[in-house]
Amino acid sequence: MVPGPKICPLKLASCCLVTSIWGIVMLVMVGIFTKGKSVALLEDMPITGGEGNSTEPKEYAFDAVAQNCFIAAGLYVFFLLFSIWQIKVNQGRVYAGDLHQR
């Protein structure tokens, strides 16, 4: 039995587990492709004005977006661990109704 309070039910924790895994995979892949300056992501880069009012994104925009993706993936790792913890807490609970059925 894992110690801790039951914050969310088992089905919600399972749904959050799947969503967290998907979010981690997606954001890490987008971060890698952005770090590699993929042309497919060019129109998603923030346009910064400056000399000559160029509409091309600056080189550091790719790195900033990649860093944001990796930070967001790290937050999803936190929620993944929270979901696993809640699943363990919910599986370890024995309720009074379950005792009568045994």
C-alpha atoms as a PDB file:
ATOM      1  CA  MET A   1       0.000   0.000   0.000  1.00  0.00           C
ATOM      2  CA  VAL A   2       1.379   3.353  -1.054  1.00  0.00           C
ATOM      3  CA  PRO A   3       0.988   6.116   1.522  1.00  0.00           C
ATOM      4  CA  GLY A   4      -0.709   9.324   0.599  1.00  0.00           C
ATOM      5  CA  PRO A   5      -4.076  10.929   0.090  1.00  0.00           C
ATOM      6  CA  LYS A   6      -6.450   9.947  -2.658  1.00  0.00           C
ATOM      7  CA  ILE A   7      -6.619  13.135  -4.728  1.00  0.00           C
ATOM      8  CA  CYS A   8      -8.161  11.823  -7.946  1.00  0.00           C
ATOM      9  CA  PRO A   9      -9.992   8.578  -8.765  1.00  0.00           C
ATOM     10  CA  LEU A  10      -8.404   5.672 -10.608  1.00  0.00           C
ATOM     11  CA  LYS A  11      -9.970   6.354 -14.018  1.00  0.00           C
ATOM     12  CA  LEU A  12      -8.947  10.011 -13.967  1.00  0.00           C
ATOM     13  CA  ALA A  13      -5.401   9.081 -12.930  1.00  0.00           C
ATOM     14  CA  SER A  14      -5.244   6.543 -15.773  1.00  0.00           C
ATOM     15  CA  CYS A  15      -6.457   9.127 -18.283  1.00  0.00           C
ATOM     16  CA  CYS A  16      -3.855  11.617 -17.021  1.00  0.00           C
ATOM     17  CA  LEU A  17      -1.181   8.915 -17.323  1.00  0.00           C
ATOM     18  CA  VAL A  18      -1.956   8.354 -21.012  1.00  0.00           C
ATOM     19  CA  THR A  19      -2.192  12.090 -21.710  1.00  0.00           C
ATOM     20  CA  SER A  20       1.132  12.712 -19.964  1.00  0.00           C
ATOM     21  CA  ILE A  21       2.915  10.031 -21.970  1.00  0.00           C
ATOM     22  CA  TRP A  22       1.522  11.459 -25.201  1.00  0.00           C
ATOM     23  CA  GLY A  23       2.490  15.008 -24.184  1.00  0.00           C
ATOM     24  CA  ILE A  24       6.046  14.007 -23.296  1.00  0.00           C
ATOM     25  CA  VAL A  25       6.599  12.193 -26.586  1.00  0.00           C
ATOM     26  CA  MET A  26       5.057  14.982 -28.677  1.00  0.00           C
ATOM     27  CA  LEU A  27       6.859  17.871 -26.973  1.00  0.00           C
ATOM     28  CA  VAL A  28      10.239  16.150 -26.980  1.00  0.00           C
ATOM     29  CA  MET A  29       9.895  15.434 -30.701  1.00  0.00           C
ATOM     30  CA  VAL A  30       8.844  19.022 -31.468  1.00  0.00           C
ATOM     31  CA  GLY A  31      11.737  20.272 -29.328  1.00  0.00           C
ATOM     32  CA  ILE A  32      14.234  18.089 -31.207  1.00  0.00           C
ATOM     33  CA  PHE A  33      12.921  19.162 -34.605  1.00  0.00           C
ATOM     34  CA  THR A  34      12.917  22.803 -33.567  1.00  0.00           C
ATOM     35  CA  LYS A  35      16.440  22.541 -32.184  1.00  0.00           C
ATOM     36  CA  GLY A  36      17.460  21.132 -35.566  1.00  0.00           C
ATOM     37  CA  LYS A  37      15.870  24.176 -37.251  1.00  0.00           C
ATOM     38  CA  SER A  38      13.356  22.156 -39.237  1.00  0.00           C
ATOM     39  CA  VAL A  39      11.952  24.086 -42.196  1.00  0.00           C
ATOM     40  CA  ALA A  40       8.493  22.603 -41.562  1.00  0.00           C
ATOM     41  CA  LEU A  41       8.281  24.561 -38.303  1.00  0.00           C
ATOM     42  CA  LEU A  42       9.461  27.849 -39.805  1.00  0.00           C
ATOM     43  CA  GLU A  43       6.031  29.468 -39.919  1.00  0.00           C
ATOM     44  CA  ASP A  44       5.467  28.640 -36.229  1.00  0.00           C
ATOM     45  CA  MET A  45       8.483  30.679 -35.107  1.00  0.00           C
ATOM     46  CA  PRO A  46       7.903  34.082 -33.532  1.00  0.00           C
ATOM     47  CA  ILE A  47       8.797  36.904 -35.899  1.00  0.00           C
ATOM     48  CA  THR A  48      10.956  39.525 -34.320  1.00  0.00           C
ATOM     49  CA  GLY A  49      11.289  42.930 -35.871  1.00  0.00           C
ATOM     50  CA  GLY A  50      14.576  44.659 -35.969  1.00  0.00           C
ATOM     51  CA  GLU A  51      17.046  45.753 -38.566  1.00  0.00           C
ATOM     52  CA  GLY A  52      15.334  46.126 -41.907  1.00  0.00           C
ATOM     53  CA  ASN A  53      11.990  44.933 -40.456  1.00  0.00           C
ATOM     54  CA  SER A  54      12.717  41.413 -41.619  1.00  0.00           C
ATOM     55  CA  THR A  55       9.855  38.939 -41.418  1.00  0.00           C
ATOM     56  CA  GLU A  56      12.281  36.043 -41.008  1.00  0.00           C
ATOM     57  CA  PRO A  57      12.599  34.613 -37.522  1.00  0.00           C
ATOM     58  CA  LYS A  58      15.940  35.144 -35.846  1.00  0.00           C
ATOM     59  CA  GLU A  59      18.227  32.196 -35.162  1.00  0.00           C
ATOM     60  CA  TYR A  60      17.668  32.403 -31.419  1.00  0.00           C
ATOM     61  CA  ALA A  61      13.912  31.981 -31.925  1.00  0.00           C
ATOM     62  CA  PHE A  62      14.430  28.309 -32.786  1.00  0.00           C
ATOM     63  CA  ASP A  63      16.432  27.740 -29.613  1.00  0.00           C
ATOM     64  CA  ALA A  64      13.886  29.591 -27.468  1.00  0.00           C
ATOM     65  CA  VAL A  65      10.978  27.560 -28.819  1.00  0.00           C
ATOM     66  CA  ALA A  66      12.930  24.308 -28.388  1.00  0.00           C
ATOM     67  CA  GLN A  67      13.748  25.231 -24.799  1.00  0.00           C
ATOM     68  CA  ASN A  68      10.068  25.977 -24.104  1.00  0.00           C
ATOM     69  CA  CYS A  69       9.107  22.560 -25.503  1.00  0.00           C
ATOM     70  CA  PHE A  70      11.622  20.797 -23.265  1.00  0.00           C
ATOM     71  CA  ILE A  71      10.400  22.722 -20.209  1.00  0.00           C
ATOM     72  CA  ALA A  72       6.796  21.782 -20.989  1.00  0.00           C
ATOM     73  CA  ALA A  73       7.846  18.134 -21.429  1.00  0.00           C
ATOM     74  CA  GLY A  74       9.455  18.316 -17.986  1.00  0.00           C
ATOM     75  CA  LEU A  75       6.153  19.504 -16.521  1.00  0.00           C
ATOM     76  CA  TYR A  76       4.440  16.553 -18.171  1.00  0.00           C
ATOM     77  CA  VAL A  77       6.976  14.244 -16.487  1.00  0.00           C
ATOM     78  CA  PHE A  78       5.861  15.685 -13.142  1.00  0.00           C
ATOM     79  CA  PHE A  79       2.209  14.948 -13.982  1.00  0.00           C
ATOM     80  CA  LEU A  80       3.176  11.466 -15.182  1.00  0.00           C
ATOM     81  CA  LEU A  81       4.768  10.716 -11.811  1.00  0.00           C
ATOM     82  CA  PHE A  82       1.746  12.202 -10.013  1.00  0.00           C
ATOM     83  CA  SER A  83      -0.599   9.990 -12.069  1.00  0.00           C
ATOM     84  CA  ILE A  84       1.439   6.859 -11.333  1.00  0.00           C
ATOM     85  CA  TRP A  85       1.386   7.740  -7.625  1.00  0.00           C
ATOM     86  CA  GLN A  86      -2.381   8.209  -7.666  1.00  0.00           C
ATOM     87  CA  ILE A  87      -2.909   4.901  -9.473  1.00  0.00           C
ATOM     88  CA  LYS A  88      -0.832   3.139  -6.809  1.00  0.00           C
ATOM     89  CA  VAL A  89      -2.762   4.900  -4.012  1.00  0.00           C
ATOM     90  CA  ASN A  90      -6.105   3.926  -5.545  1.00  0.00           C
ATOM     91  CA  GLN A  91      -5.102   0.304  -6.090  1.00  0.00           C
ATOM     92  CA  GLY A  92      -3.943  -0.066  -2.502  1.00  0.00           C
ATOM     93  CA  ARG A  93      -7.179   1.124  -0.921  1.00  0.00           C
ATOM     94  CA  VAL A  94      -9.588  -1.411   0.531  1.00  0.00           C
ATOM     95  CA  TYR A  95     -13.095  -0.149   1.061  1.00  0.00           C
ATOM     96  CA  ALA A  96     -15.763  -1.517   3.398  1.00  0.00           C
ATOM     97  CA  GLY A  97     -17.924  -2.584   0.452  1.00  0.00           C
ATOM     98  CA  ASP A  98     -15.070  -4.679  -0.918  1.00  0.00           C
ATOM     99  CA  LEU A  99     -14.684  -6.579   2.363  1.00  0.00           C
ATOM    100  CA  HIS A 100     -18.275  -7.871   2.268  1.00  0.00           C
ATOM    101  CA  GLN A 101     -17.790  -9.319  -1.212  1.00  0.00           C
ATOM    102  CA  ARG A 102     -14.816 -11.490  -0.247  1.00  0.00           C
END
